[in-house]
């Protein structure tokens, strides 16, 4: 009985051990921080690989669209079409240029909705600086099928 009483007295003065000490908590936080620091580069590398794969897939789809155009028409799409028999290399006339190859292959890229937006009998801009063409606003609207995910540089229309 005396033994039990002495244990109770001892337990009365001793602090109960509930929870973690500050040092243990800081160690756990440091370990979690190190694991996150090791994981972030791997996540970024996976994202970059996905971007590269997306870009390569876009290029493959453009190549397939060109081959499908050639299969249907017997020739590859022209780089550009003009109404005249001479090629205007200065790009100064907006009403001379017709649909470029990027517009002609849109049906083969399964982008028929965008293809139907264009008036194929009207003029296209030879460069983005020539703003007088009928299809100008649609022609220079960004198209994700011709861009890579990392493409941040776009032509400035105000030049």
Protein backbone atom coordinates (compact mmCIF):
# COMPACT_ATOMS: atom_id res chain seq x y z
CA UNK A 1 0.00 0.00 0.00
CA UNK A 2 2.86 2.33 0.78
CA UNK A 3 4.29 1.60 -2.61
CA UNK A 4 1.07 2.70 -4.33
CA UNK A 5 0.91 5.86 -2.28
CA UNK A 6 4.51 6.74 -3.15
CA UNK A 7 3.77 6.26 -6.87
CA UNK A 8 0.78 8.58 -6.64
CA UNK A 9 2.88 11.22 -4.97
CA UNK A 10 5.52 10.88 -7.63
CA UNK A 11 2.96 11.18 -10.44
CA UNK A 12 1.41 14.24 -8.80
CA UNK A 13 4.61 16.26 -9.26
CA UNK A 14 5.52 14.98 -12.68
CA UNK A 15 4.13 16.72 -15.81
CA UNK A 16 2.05 14.55 -18.08
CA UNK A 17 3.63 14.02 -21.51
CA UNK A 18 0.98 15.01 -24.04
CA UNK A 19 1.82 16.41 -27.52
CA UNK A 20 5.16 17.25 -29.12
CA UNK A 21 8.03 19.39 -27.99
CA UNK A 22 8.98 22.45 -30.00
CA UNK A 23 12.16 20.76 -31.27
CA UNK A 24 10.21 17.76 -32.57
CA UNK A 25 7.76 20.04 -34.33
CA UNK A 26 10.56 22.03 -35.98
CA UNK A 27 12.28 18.85 -37.14
CA UNK A 28 9.06 17.59 -38.75
CA UNK A 29 8.51 20.94 -40.49
CA UNK A 30 12.11 20.92 -41.76
CA UNK A 31 11.73 17.40 -43.13
CA UNK A 32 8.49 18.34 -44.92
CA UNK A 33 10.21 21.43 -46.36
CA UNK A 34 13.12 19.35 -47.67
CA UNK A 35 10.74 16.85 -49.27
CA UNK A 36 8.82 19.65 -50.99
CA UNK A 37 12.09 21.21 -52.19
CA UNK A 38 13.11 17.87 -53.68
CA UNK A 39 9.71 17.37 -55.29
CA UNK A 40 9.29 20.77 -56.99
CA UNK A 41 12.01 20.30 -59.66
CA UNK A 42 10.51 16.95 -60.58
CA UNK A 43 7.07 18.51 -60.99
CA UNK A 44 8.52 21.32 -63.12
CA UNK A 45 10.40 18.81 -65.27
CA UNK A 46 7.21 16.82 -65.81
CA UNK A 47 5.35 19.99 -66.84
CA UNK A 48 8.12 20.95 -69.26
CA UNK A 49 8.09 17.46 -70.76
CA UNK A 50 4.32 17.73 -71.21
CA UNK A 51 4.76 21.09 -72.96
CA UNK A 52 7.39 19.64 -75.30
CA UNK A 53 5.14 16.69 -76.06
CA UNK A 54 2.21 19.01 -76.78
CA UNK A 55 4.39 21.06 -79.16
CA UNK A 56 5.66 17.95 -80.94
CA UNK A 57 2.08 16.73 -81.26
CA UNK A 58 1.04 20.07 -82.83
CA UNK A 59 3.88 19.78 -85.36
CA UNK A 60 2.88 16.19 -86.13
CA UNK A 61 -0.73 17.25 -86.69
CA UNK A 62 0.38 20.03 -89.06
CA UNK A 63 2.52 17.53 -90.99
CA UNK A 64 -0.41 15.10 -91.22
CA UNK A 65 -2.71 17.90 -92.35
CA UNK A 66 -0.25 18.81 -95.12
CA UNK A 67 -0.04 15.18 -96.22
CA UNK A 68 -3.83 14.80 -96.18
CA UNK A 69 -4.17 17.98 -98.27
CA UNK A 70 -1.64 16.56 -100.74
CA UNK A 71 -3.48 13.25 -100.80
CA UNK A 72 -6.78 14.92 -101.63
CA UNK A 73 -5.52 17.60 -104.09
CA UNK A 74 -2.46 15.92 -105.59
CA UNK A 75 -0.18 18.84 -104.57
CA UNK A 76 0.93 20.41 -101.35
CA UNK A 77 -0.82 23.65 -100.44
CA UNK A 78 0.74 26.77 -101.93
CA UNK A 79 2.71 29.05 -99.65
CA UNK A 80 0.51 31.89 -100.78
CA UNK A 81 -1.93 32.69 -103.56
CA UNK A 82 -2.25 36.01 -105.36
CA UNK A 83 -4.79 37.28 -107.87
CA UNK A 84 -2.08 38.49 -110.23
CA UNK A 85 0.47 36.49 -112.18
CA UNK A 86 3.41 38.19 -110.45
CA UNK A 87 4.38 37.80 -106.83
CA UNK A 88 4.39 40.96 -104.76
CA UNK A 89 7.36 40.49 -102.42
CA UNK A 90 6.96 43.86 -100.72
CA UNK A 91 3.69 42.85 -99.09
CA UNK A 92 2.26 46.31 -99.60
CA UNK A 93 -1.06 45.46 -101.22
CA UNK A 94 -3.73 44.00 -98.99
CA UNK A 95 -6.22 43.16 -101.76
CA UNK A 96 -3.75 41.06 -103.79
CA UNK A 97 -3.14 38.16 -101.41
CA UNK A 98 -5.47 35.21 -101.03
CA UNK A 99 -5.64 32.41 -98.45
CA UNK A 100 -2.25 31.25 -97.14
CA UNK A 101 -1.41 27.59 -96.52
CA UNK A 102 -2.19 27.96 -92.82
CA UNK A 103 -5.82 28.68 -93.67
CA UNK A 104 -6.09 26.12 -96.47
CA UNK A 105 -5.11 23.20 -94.20
CA UNK A 106 -7.52 24.09 -91.37
CA UNK A 107 -10.12 21.49 -92.45
CA UNK A 108 -7.41 18.84 -92.27
CA UNK A 109 -6.53 20.01 -88.74
CA UNK A 110 -10.15 19.37 -87.78
CA UNK A 111 -10.76 23.10 -87.37
CA UNK A 112 -13.66 23.48 -89.75
CA UNK A 113 -15.40 26.10 -87.58
CA UNK A 114 -12.44 28.46 -87.89
CA UNK A 115 -12.09 27.69 -91.60
CA UNK A 116 -15.71 28.71 -92.18
CA UNK A 117 -15.07 32.09 -90.51
CA UNK A 118 -12.92 33.16 -93.45
CA UNK A 119 -14.20 34.64 -96.68
CA UNK A 120 -11.96 32.72 -99.07
CA UNK A 121 -12.84 34.95 -102.02
CA UNK A 122 -11.82 38.09 -100.12
CA UNK A 123 -8.32 39.40 -99.50
CA UNK A 124 -5.92 38.19 -96.83
CA UNK A 125 -3.12 40.30 -95.37
CA UNK A 126 0.33 39.35 -96.74
CA UNK A 127 1.91 40.47 -93.43
CA UNK A 128 0.49 41.47 -90.09
CA UNK A 129 1.43 45.11 -90.79
CA UNK A 130 -1.08 45.36 -93.65
CA UNK A 131 -4.39 45.93 -91.89
CA UNK A 132 -6.68 46.65 -94.86
CA UNK A 133 -7.47 43.04 -95.78
CA UNK A 134 -11.02 41.75 -95.31
CA UNK A 135 -9.90 38.70 -93.32
CA UNK A 136 -7.32 40.57 -91.24
CA UNK A 137 -9.05 40.36 -87.85
CA UNK A 138 -9.65 36.61 -88.22
CA UNK A 139 -6.33 35.86 -89.88
CA UNK A 140 -4.15 37.09 -87.01
CA UNK A 141 -6.28 35.76 -84.18
CA UNK A 142 -4.05 33.32 -82.25
CA UNK A 143 -4.58 29.67 -83.13
CA UNK A 144 -3.39 27.13 -80.55
CA UNK A 145 -2.82 24.52 -83.27
CA UNK A 146 0.06 26.61 -84.64
CA UNK A 147 1.62 27.51 -81.30
CA UNK A 148 3.64 25.71 -78.69
CA UNK A 149 2.59 26.11 -75.06
CA UNK A 150 5.80 28.00 -74.25
CA UNK A 151 5.31 30.47 -77.11
CA UNK A 152 5.10 33.83 -75.40
CA UNK A 153 6.31 36.01 -78.26
CA UNK A 154 3.53 37.11 -80.55
CA UNK A 155 3.77 39.68 -83.31
CA UNK A 156 2.74 43.10 -82.14
CA UNK A 157 -0.03 44.41 -84.36
CA UNK A 158 0.90 48.04 -83.71
CA UNK A 159 4.25 47.85 -85.55
